Amino acid sequence: MDKTVITVVGKDNVGIIAKVCTYLANNHVNILDISQTITGGFFNMMMVVDSSEATKDITIFSEELKQIGEELGVVIQAQNEKIFNVMHRI
């Protein structure tokens, strides 16, 4: 399994989850775990997905998610789980 961590952060807006999840489904990326919260009008979501069946390379789908984030006014980042773990190790 090829796991990817996706984070979404920004001002809350209608359709953020729908737009991200639709993109993932259309590209055969399975959501394994999802957590989201809204605090003081700010949206924060973290997803762990299985990208092993993805129709696009992680570099491409990471860039496309970033573009979706720009359209929605949020920051979306997608990283391989191993890289994410190394970057966030205490």
PDB file of N, CA and C in Angstrom:
ATOM      1  N   MET A   1       0.851  -1.179   0.000  1.00  0.00           N
ATOM      2  CA  MET A   1       0.000   0.000   0.000  1.00  0.00           C
ATOM      3  C   MET A   1       0.896   1.240   0.000  1.00  0.00           C
ATOM      4  N   ASP A   2       0.530   2.215  -0.800  1.00  0.00           N
ATOM      5  CA  ASP A   2       1.277   3.460  -0.912  1.00  0.00           C
ATOM      6  C   ASP A   2       0.454   4.564  -0.254  1.00  0.00           C
ATOM      7  N   LYS A   3       0.801   4.915   0.986  1.00  0.00           N
ATOM      8  CA  LYS A   3       0.020   5.900   1.729  1.00  0.00           C
ATOM      9  C   LYS A   3       0.545   7.314   1.494  1.00  0.00           C
ATOM     10  N   THR A   4      -0.408   8.234   1.406  1.00  0.00           N
ATOM     11  CA  THR A   4      -0.113   9.648   1.233  1.00  0.00           C
ATOM     12  C   THR A   4      -0.881  10.420   2.296  1.00  0.00           C
ATOM     13  N   VAL A   5      -0.245  11.446   2.867  1.00  0.00           N
ATOM     14  CA  VAL A   5      -0.888  12.311   3.852  1.00  0.00           C
ATOM     15  C   VAL A   5      -1.261  13.617   3.149  1.00  0.00           C
ATOM     16  N   ILE A   6      -2.529  13.977   3.251  1.00  0.00           N
ATOM     17  CA  ILE A   6      -3.023  15.210   2.654  1.00  0.00           C
ATOM     18  C   ILE A   6      -3.508  16.119   3.771  1.00  0.00           C
ATOM     19  N   THR A   7      -3.030  17.370   3.764  1.00  0.00           N
ATOM     20  CA  THR A   7      -3.490  18.348   4.744  1.00  0.00           C
ATOM     21  C   THR A   7      -4.143  19.511   4.011  1.00  0.00           C
ATOM     22  N   VAL A   8      -5.196  20.023   4.625  1.00  0.00           N
ATOM     23  CA  VAL A   8      -5.936  21.159   4.065  1.00  0.00           C
ATOM     24  C   VAL A   8      -6.140  22.157   5.202  1.00  0.00           C
ATOM     25  N   VAL A   9      -5.679  23.391   5.006  1.00  0.00           N
ATOM     26  CA  VAL A   9      -5.778  24.408   6.049  1.00  0.00           C
ATOM     27  C   VAL A   9      -6.185  25.737   5.414  1.00  0.00           C
ATOM     28  N   GLY A  10      -7.107  26.436   6.055  1.00  0.00           N
ATOM     29  CA  GLY A  10      -7.488  27.765   5.579  1.00  0.00           C
ATOM     30  C   GLY A  10      -8.816  28.205   6.149  1.00  0.00           C
ATOM     31  N   LYS A  11      -9.280  29.338   5.669  1.00  0.00           N
ATOM     32  CA  LYS A  11     -10.569  29.860   6.115  1.00  0.00           C
ATOM     33  C   LYS A  11     -11.681  28.924   5.640  1.00  0.00           C
ATOM     34  N   ASP A  12     -12.620  28.647   6.526  1.00  0.00           N
ATOM     35  CA  ASP A  12     -13.708  27.732   6.190  1.00  0.00           C
ATOM     36  C   ASP A  12     -14.548  28.281   5.044  1.00  0.00           C
ATOM     37  N   ASN A  13     -14.987  27.365   4.196  1.00  0.00           N
ATOM     38  CA  ASN A  13     -15.751  27.717   3.019  1.00  0.00           C
ATOM     39  C   ASN A  13     -16.615  26.519   2.633  1.00  0.00           C
ATOM     40  N   VAL A  14     -17.703  26.748   1.963  1.00  0.00           N
ATOM     41  CA  VAL A  14     -18.580  25.669   1.507  1.00  0.00           C
ATOM     42  C   VAL A  14     -17.887  24.850   0.426  1.00  0.00           C
ATOM     43  N   GLY A  15     -17.930  23.519   0.549  1.00  0.00           N
ATOM     44  CA  GLY A  15     -17.484  22.637  -0.520  1.00  0.00           C
ATOM     45  C   GLY A  15     -16.054  22.163  -0.477  1.00  0.00           C
ATOM     46  N   ILE A  16     -15.302  22.491   0.560  1.00  0.00           N
ATOM     47  CA  ILE A  16     -13.901  22.086   0.613  1.00  0.00           C
ATOM     48  C   ILE A  16     -13.784  20.561   0.606  1.00  0.00           C
ATOM     49  N   ILE A  17     -14.472  19.905   1.526  1.00  0.00           N
ATOM     50  CA  ILE A  17     -14.390  18.449   1.618  1.00  0.00           C
ATOM     51  C   ILE A  17     -14.903  17.810   0.333  1.00  0.00           C
ATOM     52  N   ALA A  18     -16.012  18.307  -0.177  1.00  0.00           N
ATOM     53  CA  ALA A  18     -16.598  17.748  -1.397  1.00  0.00           C
ATOM     54  C   ALA A  18     -15.630  17.841  -2.576  1.00  0.00           C
ATOM     55  N   LYS A  19     -14.991  18.976  -2.739  1.00  0.00           N
ATOM     56  CA  LYS A  19     -14.090  19.173  -3.882  1.00  0.00           C
ATOM     57  C   LYS A  19     -12.877  18.257  -3.778  1.00  0.00           C
ATOM     58  N   VAL A  20     -12.278  18.161  -2.592  1.00  0.00           N
ATOM     59  CA  VAL A  20     -11.101  17.310  -2.401  1.00  0.00           C
ATOM     60  C   VAL A  20     -11.471  15.841  -2.573  1.00  0.00           C
ATOM     61  N   CYS A  21     -12.557  15.412  -1.948  1.00  0.00           N
ATOM     62  CA  CYS A  21     -12.961  14.003  -2.033  1.00  0.00           C
ATOM     63  C   CYS A  21     -13.366  13.610  -3.451  1.00  0.00           C
ATOM     64  N   THR A  22     -14.021  14.501  -4.169  1.00  0.00           N
ATOM     65  CA  THR A  22     -14.390  14.219  -5.558  1.00  0.00           C
ATOM     66  C   THR A  22     -13.141  14.048  -6.407  1.00  0.00           C
ATOM     67  N   TYR A  23     -12.165  14.929  -6.224  1.00  0.00           N
ATOM     68  CA  TYR A  23     -10.909  14.808  -6.973  1.00  0.00           C
ATOM     69  C   TYR A  23     -10.246  13.460  -6.685  1.00  0.00           C
ATOM     70  N   LEU A  24     -10.170  13.089  -5.415  1.00  0.00           N
ATOM     71  CA  LEU A  24      -9.528  11.823  -5.046  1.00  0.00           C
ATOM     72  C   LEU A  24     -10.269  10.640  -5.662  1.00  0.00           C
ATOM     73  N   ALA A  25     -11.586  10.622  -5.568  1.00  0.00           N
ATOM     74  CA  ALA A  25     -12.376   9.520  -6.130  1.00  0.00           C
ATOM     75  C   ALA A  25     -12.180   9.417  -7.642  1.00  0.00           C
ATOM     76  N   ASN A  26     -12.167  10.553  -8.314  1.00  0.00           N
ATOM     77  CA  ASN A  26     -11.994  10.558  -9.766  1.00  0.00           C
ATOM     78  C   ASN A  26     -10.618  10.044 -10.195  1.00  0.00           C
ATOM     79  N   ASN A  27      -9.663  10.061  -9.267  1.00  0.00           N
ATOM     80  CA  ASN A  27      -8.307   9.612  -9.573  1.00  0.00           C
ATOM     81  C   ASN A  27      -7.950   8.299  -8.876  1.00  0.00           C
ATOM     82  N   HIS A  28      -8.964   7.570  -8.427  1.00  0.00           N
ATOM     83  CA  HIS A  28      -8.817   6.237  -7.819  1.00  0.00           C
ATOM     84  C   HIS A  28      -7.916   6.249  -6.587  1.00  0.00           C
ATOM     85  N   VAL A  29      -8.077   7.274  -5.767  1.00  0.00           N
ATOM     86  CA  VAL A  29      -7.349   7.377  -4.505  1.00  0.00           C
ATOM     87  C   VAL A  29      -8.351   7.091  -3.392  1.00  0.00           C
ATOM     88  N   ASN A  30      -8.051   6.081  -2.562  1.00  0.00           N
ATOM     89  CA  ASN A  30      -8.961   5.648  -1.502  1.00  0.00           C
ATOM     90  C   ASN A  30      -8.627   6.341  -0.186  1.00  0.00           C
ATOM     91  N   ILE A  31      -9.639   6.911   0.459  1.00  0.00           N
ATOM     92  CA  ILE A  31      -9.454   7.562   1.756  1.00  0.00           C
ATOM     93  C   ILE A  31      -9.468   6.493   2.836  1.00  0.00           C
ATOM     94  N   LEU A  32      -8.370   6.419   3.600  1.00  0.00           N
ATOM     95  CA  LEU A  32      -8.250   5.449   4.681  1.00  0.00           C
ATOM     96  C   LEU A  32      -8.666   6.048   6.017  1.00  0.00           C
ATOM     97  N   ASP A  33      -8.344   7.320   6.217  1.00  0.00           N
ATOM     98  CA  ASP A  33      -8.657   7.994   7.477  1.00  0.00           C
ATOM     99  C   ASP A  33      -8.812   9.475   7.184  1.00  0.00           C
ATOM    100  N   ILE A  34      -9.746  10.106   7.882  1.00  0.00           N
ATOM    101  CA  ILE A  34      -9.981  11.536   7.672  1.00  0.00           C
ATOM    102  C   ILE A  34     -10.378  12.170   8.997  1.00  0.00           C
ATOM    103  N   SER A  35      -9.812  13.349   9.250  1.00  0.00           N
ATOM    104  CA  SER A  35     -10.143  14.110  10.444  1.00  0.00           C
ATOM    105  C   SER A  35     -10.241  15.571  10.027  1.00  0.00           C
ATOM    106  N   GLN A  36     -11.307  16.230  10.462  1.00  0.00           N
ATOM    107  CA  GLN A  36     -11.430  17.649  10.131  1.00  0.00           C
ATOM    108  C   GLN A  36     -12.059  18.384  11.296  1.00  0.00           C
ATOM    109  N   THR A  37     -11.679  19.636  11.403  1.00  0.00           N
ATOM    110  CA  THR A  37     -12.235  20.474  12.449  1.00  0.00           C
ATOM    111  C   THR A  37     -12.304  21.910  11.943  1.00  0.00           C
ATOM    112  N   ILE A  38     -13.211  22.668  12.535  1.00  0.00           N
ATOM    113  CA  ILE A  38     -13.319  24.092  12.245  1.00  0.00           C
ATOM    114  C   ILE A  38     -13.211  24.806  13.587  1.00  0.00           C
ATOM    115  N   THR A  39     -12.230  25.681  13.689  1.00  0.00           N
ATOM    116  CA  THR A  39     -12.002  26.415  14.926  1.00  0.00           C
ATOM    117  C   THR A  39     -11.913  27.900  14.599  1.00  0.00           C
ATOM    118  N   GLY A  40     -12.807  28.679  15.167  1.00  0.00           N
ATOM    119  CA  GLY A  40     -12.780  30.118  14.939  1.00  0.00           C
ATOM    120  C   GLY A  40     -12.875  30.505  13.481  1.00  0.00           C
ATOM    121  N   GLY A  41     -13.599  29.703  12.699  1.00  0.00           N
ATOM    122  CA  GLY A  41     -13.773  30.002  11.288  1.00  0.00           C
ATOM    123  C   GLY A  41     -12.663  29.480  10.392  1.00  0.00           C
ATOM    124  N   PHE A  42     -11.699  28.775  10.990  1.00  0.00           N
ATOM    125  CA  PHE A  42     -10.600  28.207  10.209  1.00  0.00           C
ATOM    126  C   PHE A  42     -10.772  26.701  10.078  1.00  0.00           C
ATOM    127  N   PHE A  43     -10.602  26.221   8.868  1.00  0.00           N
ATOM    128  CA  PHE A  43     -10.798  24.822   8.515  1.00  0.00           C
ATOM    129  C   PHE A  43      -9.460  24.099   8.545  1.00  0.00           C
ATOM    130  N   ASN A  44      -9.450  22.895   9.126  1.00  0.00           N
ATOM    131  CA  ASN A  44      -8.245  22.068   9.173  1.00  0.00           C
ATOM    132  C   ASN A  44      -8.661  20.621   8.923  1.00  0.00           C
ATOM    133  N   MET A  45      -8.059  19.995   7.909  1.00  0.00           N
ATOM    134  CA  MET A  45      -8.375  18.603   7.608  1.00  0.00           C
ATOM    135  C   MET A  45      -7.076  17.855   7.347  1.00  0.00           C
ATOM    136  N   MET A  46      -7.038  16.632   7.842  1.00  0.00           N
ATOM    137  CA  MET A  46      -5.914  15.743   7.575  1.00  0.00           C
ATOM    138  C   MET A  46      -6.483  14.418   7.103  1.00  0.00           C
ATOM    139  N   MET A  47      -5.912  13.912   6.013  1.00  0.00           N
ATOM    140  CA  MET A  47      -6.367  12.649   5.445  1.00  0.00           C
ATOM    141  C   MET A  47      -5.171  11.741   5.233  1.00  0.00           C
ATOM    142  N   VAL A  48      -5.393  10.455   5.444  1.00  0.00           N
ATOM    143  CA  VAL A  48      -4.423   9.447   5.036  1.00  0.00           C
ATOM    144  C   VAL A  48      -5.113   8.659   3.940  1.00  0.00           C
ATOM    145  N   VAL A  49      -4.465   8.588   2.788  1.00  0.00           N
ATOM    146  CA  VAL A  49      -5.080   7.939   1.632  1.00  0.00           C
ATOM    147  C   VAL A  49      -4.163   6.863   1.075  1.00  0.00           C
ATOM    148  N   ASP A  50      -4.774   5.918   0.380  1.00  0.00           N
ATOM    149  CA  ASP A  50      -4.029   4.883  -0.334  1.00  0.00           C
ATOM    150  C   ASP A  50      -3.960   5.326  -1.787  1.00  0.00           C
ATOM    151  N   SER A  51      -2.761   5.683  -2.230  1.00  0.00           N
ATOM    152  CA  SER A  51      -2.597   6.185  -3.595  1.00  0.00           C
ATOM    153  C   SER A  51      -1.989   5.137  -4.526  1.00  0.00           C
ATOM    154  N   SER A  52      -1.973   3.871  -4.090  1.00  0.00           N
ATOM    155  CA  SER A  52      -1.346   2.827  -4.903  1.00  0.00           C
ATOM    156  C   SER A  52      -2.100   2.565  -6.213  1.00  0.00           C
ATOM    157  N   GLU A  53      -3.397   2.878  -6.260  1.00  0.00           N
ATOM    158  CA  GLU A  53      -4.188   2.679  -7.481  1.00  0.00           C
ATOM    159  C   GLU A  53      -4.414   3.991  -8.227  1.00  0.00           C
ATOM    160  N   ALA A  54      -3.750   5.055  -7.796  1.00  0.00           N
ATOM    161  CA  ALA A  54      -3.966   6.379  -8.388  1.00  0.00           C
ATOM    162  C   ALA A  54      -3.648   6.369  -9.876  1.00  0.00           C
ATOM    163  N   THR A  55      -4.426   7.137 -10.611  1.00  0.00           N
ATOM    164  CA  THR A  55      -4.231   7.228 -12.053  1.00  0.00           C
ATOM    165  C   THR A  55      -3.113   8.204 -12.416  1.00  0.00           C
ATOM    166  N   LYS A  56      -2.614   8.941 -11.422  1.00  0.00           N
ATOM    167  CA  LYS A  56      -1.560   9.924 -11.660  1.00  0.00           C
ATOM    168  C   LYS A  56      -0.449   9.745 -10.638  1.00  0.00           C
ATOM    169  N   ASP A  57       0.745  10.147 -11.005  1.00  0.00           N
ATOM    170  CA  ASP A  57       1.893  10.153 -10.108  1.00  0.00           C
ATOM    171  C   ASP A  57       1.624  11.135  -8.964  1.00  0.00           C
ATOM    172  N   ILE A  58       2.186  10.866  -7.783  1.00  0.00           N
ATOM    173  CA  ILE A  58       1.955  11.727  -6.618  1.00  0.00           C
ATOM    174  C   ILE A  58       2.370  13.170  -6.892  1.00  0.00           C
ATOM    175  N   THR A  59       3.400  13.374  -7.682  1.00  0.00           N
ATOM    176  CA  THR A  59       3.849  14.726  -8.002  1.00  0.00           C
ATOM    177  C   THR A  59       2.758  15.495  -8.740  1.00  0.00           C
ATOM    178  N   ILE A  60       2.104  14.824  -9.665  1.00  0.00           N
ATOM    179  CA  ILE A  60       1.043  15.467 -10.449  1.00  0.00           C
ATOM    180  C   ILE A  60      -0.186  15.701  -9.590  1.00  0.00           C
ATOM    181  N   PHE A  61      -0.611  14.663  -8.842  1.00  0.00           N
ATOM    182  CA  PHE A  61      -1.841  14.881  -8.073  1.00  0.00           C
ATOM    183  C   PHE A  61      -1.619  15.827  -6.904  1.00  0.00           C
ATOM    184  N   SER A  62      -0.396  15.930  -6.405  1.00  0.00           N
ATOM    185  CA  SER A  62      -0.069  16.920  -5.381  1.00  0.00           C
ATOM    186  C   SER A  62      -0.210  18.335  -5.943  1.00  0.00           C
ATOM    187  N   GLU A  63       0.290  18.544  -7.147  1.00  0.00           N
ATOM    188  CA  GLU A  63       0.196  19.857  -7.787  1.00  0.00           C
ATOM    189  C   GLU A  63      -1.251  20.207  -8.119  1.00  0.00           C
ATOM    190  N   GLU A  64      -2.018  19.228  -8.583  1.00  0.00           N
ATOM    191  CA  GLU A  64      -3.427  19.487  -8.895  1.00  0.00           C
ATOM    192  C   GLU A  64      -4.228  19.793  -7.631  1.00  0.00           C
ATOM    193  N   LEU A  65      -3.928  19.105  -6.527  1.00  0.00           N
ATOM    194  CA  LEU A  65      -4.596  19.422  -5.256  1.00  0.00           C
ATOM    195  C   LEU A  65      -4.217  20.827  -4.790  1.00  0.00           C
ATOM    196  N   LYS A  66      -2.978  21.205  -4.990  1.00  0.00           N
ATOM    197  CA  LYS A  66      -2.531  22.560  -4.636  1.00  0.00           C
ATOM    198  C   LYS A  66      -3.337  23.595  -5.420  1.00  0.00           C
ATOM    199  N   GLN A  67      -3.564  23.332  -6.711  1.00  0.00           N
ATOM    200  CA  GLN A  67      -4.354  24.243  -7.542  1.00  0.00           C
ATOM    201  C   GLN A  67      -5.808  24.313  -7.071  1.00  0.00           C
ATOM    202  N   ILE A  68      -6.364  23.167  -6.682  1.00  0.00           N
ATOM    203  CA  ILE A  68      -7.725  23.146  -6.139  1.00  0.00           C
ATOM    204  C   ILE A  68      -7.775  23.995  -4.874  1.00  0.00           C
ATOM    205  N   GLY A  69      -6.765  23.868  -4.032  1.00  0.00           N
ATOM    206  CA  GLY A  69      -6.687  24.672  -2.815  1.00  0.00           C
ATOM    207  C   GLY A  69      -6.683  26.156  -3.112  1.00  0.00           C
ATOM    208  N   GLU A  70      -5.925  26.555  -4.129  1.00  0.00           N
ATOM    209  CA  GLU A  70      -5.885  27.970  -4.507  1.00  0.00           C
ATOM    210  C   GLU A  70      -7.263  28.457  -4.940  1.00  0.00           C
ATOM    211  N   GLU A  71      -7.989  27.628  -5.683  1.00  0.00           N
ATOM    212  CA  GLU A  71      -9.347  27.984  -6.107  1.00  0.00           C
ATOM    213  C   GLU A  71     -10.277  28.146  -4.907  1.00  0.00           C
ATOM    214  N   LEU A  72     -10.067  27.318  -3.876  1.00  0.00           N
ATOM    215  CA  LEU A  72     -10.927  27.332  -2.691  1.00  0.00           C
ATOM    216  C   LEU A  72     -10.448  28.307  -1.611  1.00  0.00           C
ATOM    217  N   GLY A  73      -9.265  28.859  -1.770  1.00  0.00           N
ATOM    218  CA  GLY A  73      -8.717  29.772  -0.770  1.00  0.00           C
ATOM    219  C   GLY A  73      -8.118  29.058   0.435  1.00  0.00           C
ATOM    220  N   VAL A  74      -7.660  27.822   0.235  1.00  0.00           N
ATOM    221  CA  VAL A  74      -7.011  27.059   1.305  1.00  0.00           C
ATOM    222  C   VAL A  74      -5.671  26.527   0.784  1.00  0.00           C
ATOM    223  N   VAL A  75      -4.862  26.026   1.699  1.00  0.00           N
ATOM    224  CA  VAL A  75      -3.581  25.429   1.329  1.00  0.00           C
ATOM    225  C   VAL A  75      -3.727  23.912   1.429  1.00  0.00           C
ATOM    226  N   ILE A  76      -3.470  23.213   0.331  1.00  0.00           N
ATOM    227  CA  ILE A  76      -3.535  21.757   0.312  1.00  0.00           C
ATOM    228  C   ILE A  76      -2.146  21.225  -0.006  1.00  0.00           C
ATOM    229  N   GLN A  77      -1.679  20.303   0.844  1.00  0.00           N
ATOM    230  CA  GLN A  77      -0.390  19.657   0.626  1.00  0.00           C
ATOM    231  C   GLN A  77      -0.586  18.146   0.650  1.00  0.00           C
ATOM    232  N   ALA A  78       0.110  17.453  -0.234  1.00  0.00           N
ATOM    233  CA  ALA A  78       0.084  15.991  -0.271  1.00  0.00           C
ATOM    234  C   ALA A  78       1.521  15.507  -0.233  1.00  0.00           C
ATOM    235  N   GLN A  79       1.805  14.604   0.711  1.00  0.00           N
ATOM    236  CA  GLN A  79       3.154  14.063   0.866  1.00  0.00           C
ATOM    237  C   GLN A  79       3.087  12.564   1.095  1.00  0.00           C
ATOM    238  N   ASN A  80       4.074  11.873   0.571  1.00  0.00           N
ATOM    239  CA  ASN A  80       4.207  10.459   0.873  1.00  0.00           C
ATOM    240  C   ASN A  80       4.281  10.307   2.388  1.00  0.00           C
ATOM    241  N   GLU A  81       3.643   9.283   2.934  1.00  0.00           N
ATOM    242  CA  GLU A  81       3.584   9.088   4.387  1.00  0.00           C
ATOM    243  C   GLU A  81       4.975   9.012   5.014  1.00  0.00           C
ATOM    244  N   LYS A  82       5.907   8.350   4.347  1.00  0.00           N
ATOM    245  CA  LYS A  82       7.258   8.216   4.902  1.00  0.00           C
ATOM    246  C   LYS A  82       7.935   9.574   5.020  1.00  0.00           C
ATOM    247  N   ILE A  83       7.797  10.416   4.010  1.00  0.00           N
ATOM    248  CA  ILE A  83       8.380  11.761   4.049  1.00  0.00           C
ATOM    249  C   ILE A  83       7.703  12.590   5.129  1.00  0.00           C
ATOM    250  N   PHE A  84       6.374  12.507   5.217  1.00  0.00           N
ATOM    251  CA  PHE A  84       5.627  13.241   6.237  1.00  0.00           C
ATOM    252  C   PHE A  84       6.113  12.857   7.633  1.00  0.00           C
ATOM    253  N   ASN A  85       6.266  11.555   7.873  1.00  0.00           N
ATOM    254  CA  ASN A  85       6.714  11.081   9.192  1.00  0.00           C
ATOM    255  C   ASN A  85       8.101  11.603   9.546  1.00  0.00           C
ATOM    256  N   VAL A  86       9.012  11.587   8.587  1.00  0.00           N
ATOM    257  CA  VAL A  86      10.375  12.081   8.843  1.00  0.00           C
ATOM    258  C   VAL A  86      10.350  13.574   9.143  1.00  0.00           C
ATOM    259  N   MET A  87       9.562  14.313   8.384  1.00  0.00           N
ATOM    260  CA  MET A  87       9.504  15.774   8.564  1.00  0.00           C
ATOM    261  C   MET A  87       8.862  16.184   9.885  1.00  0.00           C
ATOM    262  N   HIS A  88       8.011  15.320  10.441  1.00  0.00           N
ATOM    263  CA  HIS A  88       7.278  15.687  11.658  1.00  0.00           C
ATOM    264  C   HIS A  88       7.705  14.864  12.878  1.00  0.00           C
ATOM    265  N   ARG A  89       8.873  14.291  12.799  1.00  0.00           N
ATOM    266  CA  ARG A  89       9.405  13.538  13.932  1.00  0.00           C
ATOM    267  C   ARG A  89       9.973  14.520  14.951  1.00  0.00           C
ATOM    268  N   ILE A  90       9.700  14.263  16.203  1.00  0.00           N
ATOM    269  CA  ILE A  90      10.196  15.154  17.264  1.00  0.00           C
ATOM    270  C   ILE A  90      11.587  14.713  17.677  1.00  0.00           C
TER     271      ILE A  90
END
